[in-house]
Amino acid sequence: MRQASLLLQPHTGRRAIRAHEGTVIAAASNQRWASDGFEISCWNGEVVRVAFAIDTHDREVMAWVATSGGGIRGEMIRDMMLDCVERRFDDLHAPQPVQWLADNGSAYTAGETTDFAVALNLVACFTPVRSPESNGVCEAFVKTFKRDYVRVNPRPDAISVLQRLAEWFEDYNTIHPHSGLRMRSPREFIAAQSATQAAMLPGRQPSRGLCREPLMSSDY
């Protein structure tokens, strides 16, 4: 594809490098969820603001919210937190503590939000000020989403974008290949991971062909 000039132009802004020595990618699913937001500019000047939550191991975007009428509010973040717990555990309370990593925006640091996190068994964690690299999984997702969905689709107005967001997120979760997941989509990776775990149950022999390749941690 590179030789045929079929690759999209990279969009990576230059900025000062900040050291980050922590581990961003979790060792397994449902250990650390990360959340962040971004803006989509429409051709008529309107702006759509989006917030999302992503698993830092399997990279599935578990929940998202969007608005064209102002900023992301605390109640929207709390709804997203609950949606994540219900989707992943089919319950209103996580069975084990799950880290919830976000920046220091007021919607995340509000007392109502941190108290709600405790009720859901989520451990609220915040990135150091002026250190977005600490949430590298979110940064990488935003770049991918803007490059492969936002910039290649019509954006005449906010309503048009809001109507397409569900389709774009679903495509990312189910179809979009990810280099850190051995070129599988998040849900393909989750399915392969579940099949491997089932094959390793006591009394069962691992089936041939199941993916047992370790998840690469050098992508972010």
C-alpha atoms as a PDB file:
ATOM      1  CA  MET A   1       0.000   0.000   0.000  1.00  0.00           C
ATOM      2  CA  ARG A   2       2.915   2.356   0.718  1.00  0.00           C
ATOM      3  CA  GLN A   3       4.484   1.666  -2.673  1.00  0.00           C
ATOM      4  CA  ALA A   4       1.162   2.344  -4.397  1.00  0.00           C
ATOM      5  CA  SER A   5       0.652   5.583  -2.409  1.00  0.00           C
ATOM      6  CA  LEU A   6      -2.562   4.241  -0.872  1.00  0.00           C
ATOM      7  CA  LEU A   7      -1.761   5.120   2.746  1.00  0.00           C
ATOM      8  CA  LEU A   8      -3.402   8.090   4.444  1.00  0.00           C
ATOM      9  CA  GLN A   9      -1.200  11.045   5.225  1.00  0.00           C
ATOM     10  CA  PRO A  10      -0.028  10.915   8.860  1.00  0.00           C
ATOM     11  CA  HIS A  11      -1.348  13.635  11.122  1.00  0.00           C
ATOM     12  CA  THR A  12       0.980  14.022  14.083  1.00  0.00           C
ATOM     13  CA  GLY A  13       1.647  17.462  15.482  1.00  0.00           C
ATOM     14  CA  ARG A  14       5.062  18.383  16.801  1.00  0.00           C
ATOM     15  CA  ARG A  15       5.304  19.098  20.503  1.00  0.00           C
ATOM     16  CA  ALA A  16       7.762  18.914  23.318  1.00  0.00           C
ATOM     17  CA  ILE A  17       8.415  15.394  24.553  1.00  0.00           C
ATOM     18  CA  ARG A  18       7.508  14.768  28.164  1.00  0.00           C
ATOM     19  CA  ALA A  19       8.926  11.845  30.040  1.00  0.00           C
ATOM     20  CA  HIS A  20       6.447   9.181  31.131  1.00  0.00           C
ATOM     21  CA  GLU A  21       7.776   6.181  32.989  1.00  0.00           C
ATOM     22  CA  GLY A  22       4.516   4.537  34.059  1.00  0.00           C
ATOM     23  CA  THR A  23       2.789   1.582  32.430  1.00  0.00           C
ATOM     24  CA  VAL A  24      -0.096   2.681  30.240  1.00  0.00           C
ATOM     25  CA  ILE A  25      -1.336  -0.641  28.856  1.00  0.00           C
ATOM     26  CA  ALA A  26      -2.966  -2.998  31.351  1.00  0.00           C
ATOM     27  CA  ALA A  27      -1.958  -6.663  31.518  1.00  0.00           C
ATOM     28  CA  ALA A  28      -5.550  -7.889  31.125  1.00  0.00           C
ATOM     29  CA  SER A  29      -9.013  -6.615  30.301  1.00  0.00           C
ATOM     30  CA  ASN A  30     -11.044  -4.833  32.983  1.00  0.00           C
ATOM     31  CA  GLN A  31      -8.027  -3.751  35.011  1.00  0.00           C
ATOM     32  CA  ARG A  32      -7.710  -0.180  33.753  1.00  0.00           C
ATOM     33  CA  TRP A  33     -10.226   1.863  31.794  1.00  0.00           C
ATOM     34  CA  ALA A  34      -9.192   5.228  30.415  1.00  0.00           C
ATOM     35  CA  SER A  35     -11.396   8.140  29.442  1.00  0.00           C
ATOM     36  CA  ASP A  36     -10.823  11.338  27.520  1.00  0.00           C
ATOM     37  CA  GLY A  37     -12.569  13.690  25.112  1.00  0.00           C
ATOM     38  CA  PHE A  38     -12.060  15.407  21.773  1.00  0.00           C
ATOM     39  CA  GLU A  39     -13.794  17.832  19.432  1.00  0.00           C
ATOM     40  CA  ILE A  40     -15.043  17.425  15.870  1.00  0.00           C
ATOM     41  CA  SER A  41     -15.283  20.615  13.822  1.00  0.00           C
ATOM     42  CA  CYS A  42     -18.108  20.755  11.281  1.00  0.00           C
ATOM     43  CA  TRP A  43     -17.985  22.564   7.956  1.00  0.00           C
ATOM     44  CA  ASN A  44     -20.625  25.087   9.065  1.00  0.00           C
ATOM     45  CA  GLY A  45     -18.587  26.067  12.126  1.00  0.00           C
ATOM     46  CA  GLU A  46     -20.461  23.932  14.681  1.00  0.00           C
ATOM     47  CA  VAL A  47     -18.484  21.748  17.085  1.00  0.00           C
ATOM     48  CA  VAL A  48     -19.348  18.280  18.386  1.00  0.00           C
ATOM     49  CA  ARG A  49     -17.715  17.335  21.687  1.00  0.00           C
ATOM     50  CA  VAL A  50     -17.176  13.644  22.410  1.00  0.00           C
ATOM     51  CA  ALA A  51     -16.052  11.748  25.511  1.00  0.00           C
ATOM     52  CA  PHE A  52     -15.292   8.033  25.532  1.00  0.00           C
ATOM     53  CA  ALA A  53     -14.064   5.207  27.744  1.00  0.00           C
ATOM     54  CA  ILE A  54     -11.622   2.594  26.425  1.00  0.00           C
ATOM     55  CA  ASP A  55     -10.141  -0.563  27.948  1.00  0.00           C
ATOM     56  CA  THR A  56      -6.365  -0.135  27.984  1.00  0.00           C
ATOM     57  CA  HIS A  57      -5.772  -3.839  27.282  1.00  0.00           C
ATOM     58  CA  ASP A  58      -8.197  -4.875  24.560  1.00  0.00           C
ATOM     59  CA  ARG A  59      -8.785  -1.289  23.230  1.00  0.00           C
ATOM     60  CA  GLU A  60     -12.572  -1.628  22.968  1.00  0.00           C
ATOM     61  CA  VAL A  61     -14.436   1.650  23.318  1.00  0.00           C
ATOM     62  CA  MET A  62     -17.017   0.490  25.839  1.00  0.00           C
ATOM     63  CA  ALA A  63     -19.091   3.679  26.006  1.00  0.00           C
ATOM     64  CA  TRP A  64     -19.176   7.203  24.624  1.00  0.00           C
ATOM     65  CA  VAL A  65     -21.220  10.380  24.889  1.00  0.00           C
ATOM     66  CA  ALA A  66     -21.468  13.379  22.579  1.00  0.00           C
ATOM     67  CA  THR A  67     -23.054  16.803  22.517  1.00  0.00           C
ATOM     68  CA  SER A  68     -23.195  19.887  20.333  1.00  0.00           C
ATOM     69  CA  GLY A  69     -24.720  22.075  23.035  1.00  0.00           C
ATOM     70  CA  GLY A  70     -21.764  23.004  25.212  1.00  0.00           C
ATOM     71  CA  GLY A  71     -19.135  20.985  27.021  1.00  0.00           C
ATOM     72  CA  ILE A  72     -19.108  17.484  28.469  1.00  0.00           C
ATOM     73  CA  ARG A  73     -20.823  17.617  31.862  1.00  0.00           C
ATOM     74  CA  GLY A  74     -20.223  15.552  34.969  1.00  0.00           C
ATOM     75  CA  GLU A  75     -23.527  13.710  34.692  1.00  0.00           C
ATOM     76  CA  MET A  76     -22.551  12.565  31.204  1.00  0.00           C
ATOM     77  CA  ILE A  77     -19.306  11.095  32.545  1.00  0.00           C
ATOM     78  CA  ARG A  78     -21.189   9.349  35.343  1.00  0.00           C
ATOM     79  CA  ASP A  79     -23.670   7.859  32.869  1.00  0.00           C
ATOM     80  CA  MET A  80     -20.714   6.605  30.835  1.00  0.00           C
ATOM     81  CA  MET A  81     -19.113   5.034  33.921  1.00  0.00           C
ATOM     82  CA  LEU A  82     -22.308   3.133  34.690  1.00  0.00           C
ATOM     83  CA  ASP A  83     -22.653   2.048  31.066  1.00  0.00           C
ATOM     84  CA  CYS A  84     -19.133   0.581  31.139  1.00  0.00           C
ATOM     85  CA  VAL A  85     -19.789  -1.429  34.305  1.00  0.00           C
ATOM     86  CA  GLU A  86     -23.102  -2.752  32.987  1.00  0.00           C
ATOM     87  CA  ARG A  87     -21.630  -3.714  29.629  1.00  0.00           C
ATOM     88  CA  ARG A  88     -18.558  -5.454  31.015  1.00  0.00           C
ATOM     89  CA  PHE A  89     -20.017  -7.098  34.133  1.00  0.00           C
ATOM     90  CA  ASP A  90     -23.792  -7.100  33.565  1.00  0.00           C
ATOM     91  CA  ASP A  91     -24.137  -5.578  37.009  1.00  0.00           C
ATOM     92  CA  LEU A  92     -24.268  -2.209  38.756  1.00  0.00           C
ATOM     93  CA  HIS A  93     -21.012  -2.837  40.644  1.00  0.00           C
ATOM     94  CA  ALA A  94     -17.671  -4.113  39.337  1.00  0.00           C
ATOM     95  CA  PRO A  95     -16.730  -7.443  41.003  1.00  0.00           C
ATOM     96  CA  GLN A  96     -13.162  -6.215  41.487  1.00  0.00           C
ATOM     97  CA  PRO A  97     -11.671  -2.708  41.576  1.00  0.00           C
ATOM     98  CA  VAL A  98     -11.096  -1.246  38.112  1.00  0.00           C
ATOM     99  CA  GLN A  99      -8.923   1.811  37.593  1.00  0.00           C
ATOM    100  CA  TRP A 100     -10.646   4.740  35.866  1.00  0.00           C
ATOM    101  CA  LEU A 101      -7.887   6.891  34.352  1.00  0.00           C
ATOM    102  CA  ALA A 102      -8.738  10.404  33.176  1.00  0.00           C
ATOM    103  CA  ASP A 103      -7.303  13.897  32.998  1.00  0.00           C
ATOM    104  CA  ASN A 104      -7.992  16.676  35.476  1.00  0.00           C
ATOM    105  CA  GLY A 105     -11.070  18.088  33.754  1.00  0.00           C
ATOM    106  CA  SER A 106     -13.827  19.280  36.049  1.00  0.00           C
ATOM    107  CA  ALA A 107     -16.286  16.658  34.763  1.00  0.00           C
ATOM    108  CA  TYR A 108     -13.930  13.938  36.035  1.00  0.00           C
ATOM    109  CA  THR A 109     -12.689  15.540  39.255  1.00  0.00           C
ATOM    110  CA  ALA A 110     -16.098  16.683  40.526  1.00  0.00           C
ATOM    111  CA  GLY A 111     -16.986  15.267  43.911  1.00  0.00           C
ATOM    112  CA  GLU A 112     -20.175  13.691  42.544  1.00  0.00           C
ATOM    113  CA  THR A 113     -18.149  11.863  39.902  1.00  0.00           C
ATOM    114  CA  THR A 114     -15.470  10.513  42.253  1.00  0.00           C
ATOM    115  CA  ASP A 115     -18.143   9.425  44.760  1.00  0.00           C
ATOM    116  CA  PHE A 116     -20.057   7.703  41.963  1.00  0.00           C
ATOM    117  CA  ALA A 117     -16.869   5.913  40.915  1.00  0.00           C
ATOM    118  CA  VAL A 118     -16.480   4.525  44.432  1.00  0.00           C
ATOM    119  CA  ALA A 119     -20.074   3.242  44.374  1.00  0.00           C
ATOM    120  CA  LEU A 120     -19.307   1.376  41.131  1.00  0.00           C
ATOM    121  CA  ASN A 121     -16.014  -0.020  42.520  1.00  0.00           C
ATOM    122  CA  LEU A 122     -13.989   2.120  40.140  1.00  0.00           C
ATOM    123  CA  VAL A 123     -10.722   3.624  41.353  1.00  0.00           C
ATOM    124  CA  ALA A 124     -10.463   7.185  40.073  1.00  0.00           C
ATOM    125  CA  CYS A 125      -6.944   7.983  38.830  1.00  0.00           C
ATOM    126  CA  PHE A 126      -5.788  11.214  37.248  1.00  0.00           C
ATOM    127  CA  THR A 127      -2.929  11.984  34.897  1.00  0.00           C
ATOM    128  CA  PRO A 128      -0.245  14.452  36.041  1.00  0.00           C
ATOM    129  CA  VAL A 129      -0.995  18.020  35.006  1.00  0.00           C
ATOM    130  CA  ARG A 130       0.299  18.849  31.504  1.00  0.00           C
ATOM    131  CA  SER A 131       1.257  15.223  30.858  1.00  0.00           C
ATOM    132  CA  PRO A 132      -1.185  13.771  28.296  1.00  0.00           C
ATOM    133  CA  GLU A 133       1.318  10.999  27.518  1.00  0.00           C
ATOM    134  CA  SER A 134       0.199   9.397  30.782  1.00  0.00           C
ATOM    135  CA  ASN A 135      -3.039   8.511  28.990  1.00  0.00           C
ATOM    136  CA  GLY A 136      -1.394   7.322  25.780  1.00  0.00           C
ATOM    137  CA  VAL A 137      -4.065   4.764  24.888  1.00  0.00           C
ATOM    138  CA  CYS A 138      -6.636   7.551  24.662  1.00  0.00           C
ATOM    139  CA  GLU A 139      -4.269   9.772  22.699  1.00  0.00           C
ATOM    140  CA  ALA A 140      -3.620   6.997  20.176  1.00  0.00           C
ATOM    141  CA  PHE A 141      -7.332   6.255  19.818  1.00  0.00           C
ATOM    142  CA  VAL A 142      -8.210   9.905  19.168  1.00  0.00           C
ATOM    143  CA  LYS A 143      -5.574  10.109  16.425  1.00  0.00           C
ATOM    144  CA  THR A 144      -6.898   6.921  14.833  1.00  0.00           C
ATOM    145  CA  PHE A 145     -10.540   7.990  15.066  1.00  0.00           C
ATOM    146  CA  LYS A 146      -9.932  11.428  13.579  1.00  0.00           C
ATOM    147  CA  ARG A 147      -7.726  10.074  10.802  1.00  0.00           C
ATOM    148  CA  ASP A 148      -9.795   7.063   9.742  1.00  0.00           C
ATOM    149  CA  TYR A 149     -13.336   8.296  10.395  1.00  0.00           C
ATOM    150  CA  VAL A 150     -13.683  12.032  10.963  1.00  0.00           C
ATOM    151  CA  ARG A 151     -11.429  13.383   8.216  1.00  0.00           C
ATOM    152  CA  VAL A 152     -12.647  10.996   5.484  1.00  0.00           C
ATOM    153  CA  ASN A 153     -16.382  11.550   6.010  1.00  0.00           C
ATOM    154  CA  PRO A 154     -18.671  14.521   5.291  1.00  0.00           C
ATOM    155  CA  ARG A 155     -19.207  16.826   8.283  1.00  0.00           C
ATOM    156  CA  PRO A 156     -21.679  19.457   7.052  1.00  0.00           C
ATOM    157  CA  ASP A 157     -23.186  20.148  10.481  1.00  0.00           C
ATOM    158  CA  ALA A 158     -23.395  18.860  14.046  1.00  0.00           C
ATOM    159  CA  ILE A 159     -26.557  16.808  13.505  1.00  0.00           C
ATOM    160  CA  SER A 160     -24.962  14.944  10.607  1.00  0.00           C
ATOM    161  CA  VAL A 161     -21.922  14.074  12.713  1.00  0.00           C
ATOM    162  CA  LEU A 162     -23.996  13.009  15.719  1.00  0.00           C
ATOM    163  CA  GLN A 163     -25.995  10.680  13.478  1.00  0.00           C
ATOM    164  CA  ARG A 164     -22.826   8.988  12.217  1.00  0.00           C
ATOM    165  CA  LEU A 165     -20.913   8.611  15.482  1.00  0.00           C
ATOM    166  CA  ALA A 166     -22.535   5.311  16.502  1.00  0.00           C
ATOM    167  CA  GLU A 167     -21.644   3.802  13.126  1.00  0.00           C
ATOM    168  CA  TRP A 168     -18.032   4.982  13.384  1.00  0.00           C
ATOM    169  CA  PHE A 169     -17.540   3.650  16.911  1.00  0.00           C
ATOM    170  CA  GLU A 170     -19.108   0.313  15.971  1.00  0.00           C
ATOM    171  CA  ASP A 171     -16.837  -0.013  12.946  1.00  0.00           C
ATOM    172  CA  TYR A 172     -13.784   0.737  15.095  1.00  0.00           C
ATOM    173  CA  ASN A 173     -14.761  -1.898  17.678  1.00  0.00           C
ATOM    174  CA  THR A 174     -15.707  -4.662  15.255  1.00  0.00           C
ATOM    175  CA  ILE A 175     -13.690  -4.161  12.058  1.00  0.00           C
ATOM    176  CA  HIS A 176     -10.804  -1.722  12.417  1.00  0.00           C
ATOM    177  CA  PRO A 177      -7.463  -3.613  12.662  1.00  0.00           C
ATOM    178  CA  HIS A 178      -5.119  -2.609  15.475  1.00  0.00           C
ATOM    179  CA  SER A 179      -1.363  -3.137  15.317  1.00  0.00           C
ATOM    180  CA  GLY A 180      -1.169  -3.725  19.065  1.00  0.00           C
ATOM    181  CA  LEU A 181      -3.761  -6.513  18.756  1.00  0.00           C
ATOM    182  CA  ARG A 182      -1.942  -8.387  15.967  1.00  0.00           C
ATOM    183  CA  MET A 183      -4.011  -6.572  13.325  1.00  0.00           C
ATOM    184  CA  ARG A 184      -7.344  -7.591  14.811  1.00  0.00           C
ATOM    185  CA  SER A 185     -10.187  -5.341  15.860  1.00  0.00           C
ATOM    186  CA  PRO A 186     -10.843  -4.974  19.598  1.00  0.00           C
ATOM    187  CA  ARG A 187     -13.793  -7.367  19.557  1.00  0.00           C
ATOM    188  CA  GLU A 188     -11.927  -9.893  17.419  1.00  0.00           C
ATOM    189  CA  PHE A 189      -9.136  -9.770  19.980  1.00  0.00           C
ATOM    190  CA  ILE A 190     -11.610 -10.174  22.868  1.00  0.00           C
ATOM    191  CA  ALA A 191     -13.196 -13.187  21.146  1.00  0.00           C
ATOM    192  CA  ALA A 192      -9.793 -14.813  20.574  1.00  0.00           C
ATOM    193  CA  GLN A 193      -8.806 -14.091  24.167  1.00  0.00           C
ATOM    194  CA  SER A 194     -12.029 -15.657  25.487  1.00  0.00           C
ATOM    195  CA  ALA A 195     -11.553 -18.737  23.298  1.00  0.00           C
ATOM    196  CA  THR A 196      -7.999 -19.176  24.578  1.00  0.00           C
ATOM    197  CA  GLN A 197      -9.109 -18.893  28.202  1.00  0.00           C
ATOM    198  CA  ALA A 198     -11.901 -21.427  27.621  1.00  0.00           C
ATOM    199  CA  ALA A 199      -9.462 -23.849  26.016  1.00  0.00           C
ATOM    200  CA  MET A 200      -7.159 -23.619  29.032  1.00  0.00           C
ATOM    201  CA  LEU A 201      -9.854 -24.657  31.537  1.00  0.00           C
ATOM    202  CA  PRO A 202      -9.020 -27.806  33.581  1.00  0.00           C
ATOM    203  CA  GLY A 203      -9.798 -30.999  31.714  1.00  0.00           C
ATOM    204  CA  ARG A 204      -9.588 -29.423  28.257  1.00  0.00           C
ATOM    205  CA  GLN A 205      -6.713 -29.520  25.824  1.00  0.00           C
ATOM    206  CA  PRO A 206      -5.870 -26.296  23.986  1.00  0.00           C
ATOM    207  CA  SER A 207      -7.200 -26.366  20.443  1.00  0.00           C
ATOM    208  CA  ARG A 208      -4.829 -25.750  17.604  1.00  0.00           C
ATOM    209  CA  GLY A 209      -5.124 -22.477  15.826  1.00  0.00           C
ATOM    210  CA  LEU A 210      -6.127 -20.398  18.823  1.00  0.00           C
ATOM    211  CA  CYS A 211      -4.073 -17.264  19.217  1.00  0.00           C
ATOM    212  CA  ARG A 212      -1.683 -17.364  22.158  1.00  0.00           C
ATOM    213  CA  GLU A 213       0.554 -14.550  21.022  1.00  0.00           C
ATOM    214  CA  PRO A 214       1.344 -12.089  23.811  1.00  0.00           C
ATOM    215  CA  LEU A 215      -0.083  -8.621  23.560  1.00  0.00           C
ATOM    216  CA  MET A 216       2.592  -6.183  22.494  1.00  0.00           C
ATOM    217  CA  SER A 217       3.063  -3.331  24.925  1.00  0.00           C
ATOM    218  CA  SER A 218       5.279  -1.135  22.765  1.00  0.00           C
ATOM    219  CA  ASP A 219       2.554   0.542  20.735  1.00  0.00           C
ATOM    220  CA  TYR A 220       2.136   3.523  23.082  1.00  0.00           C
END
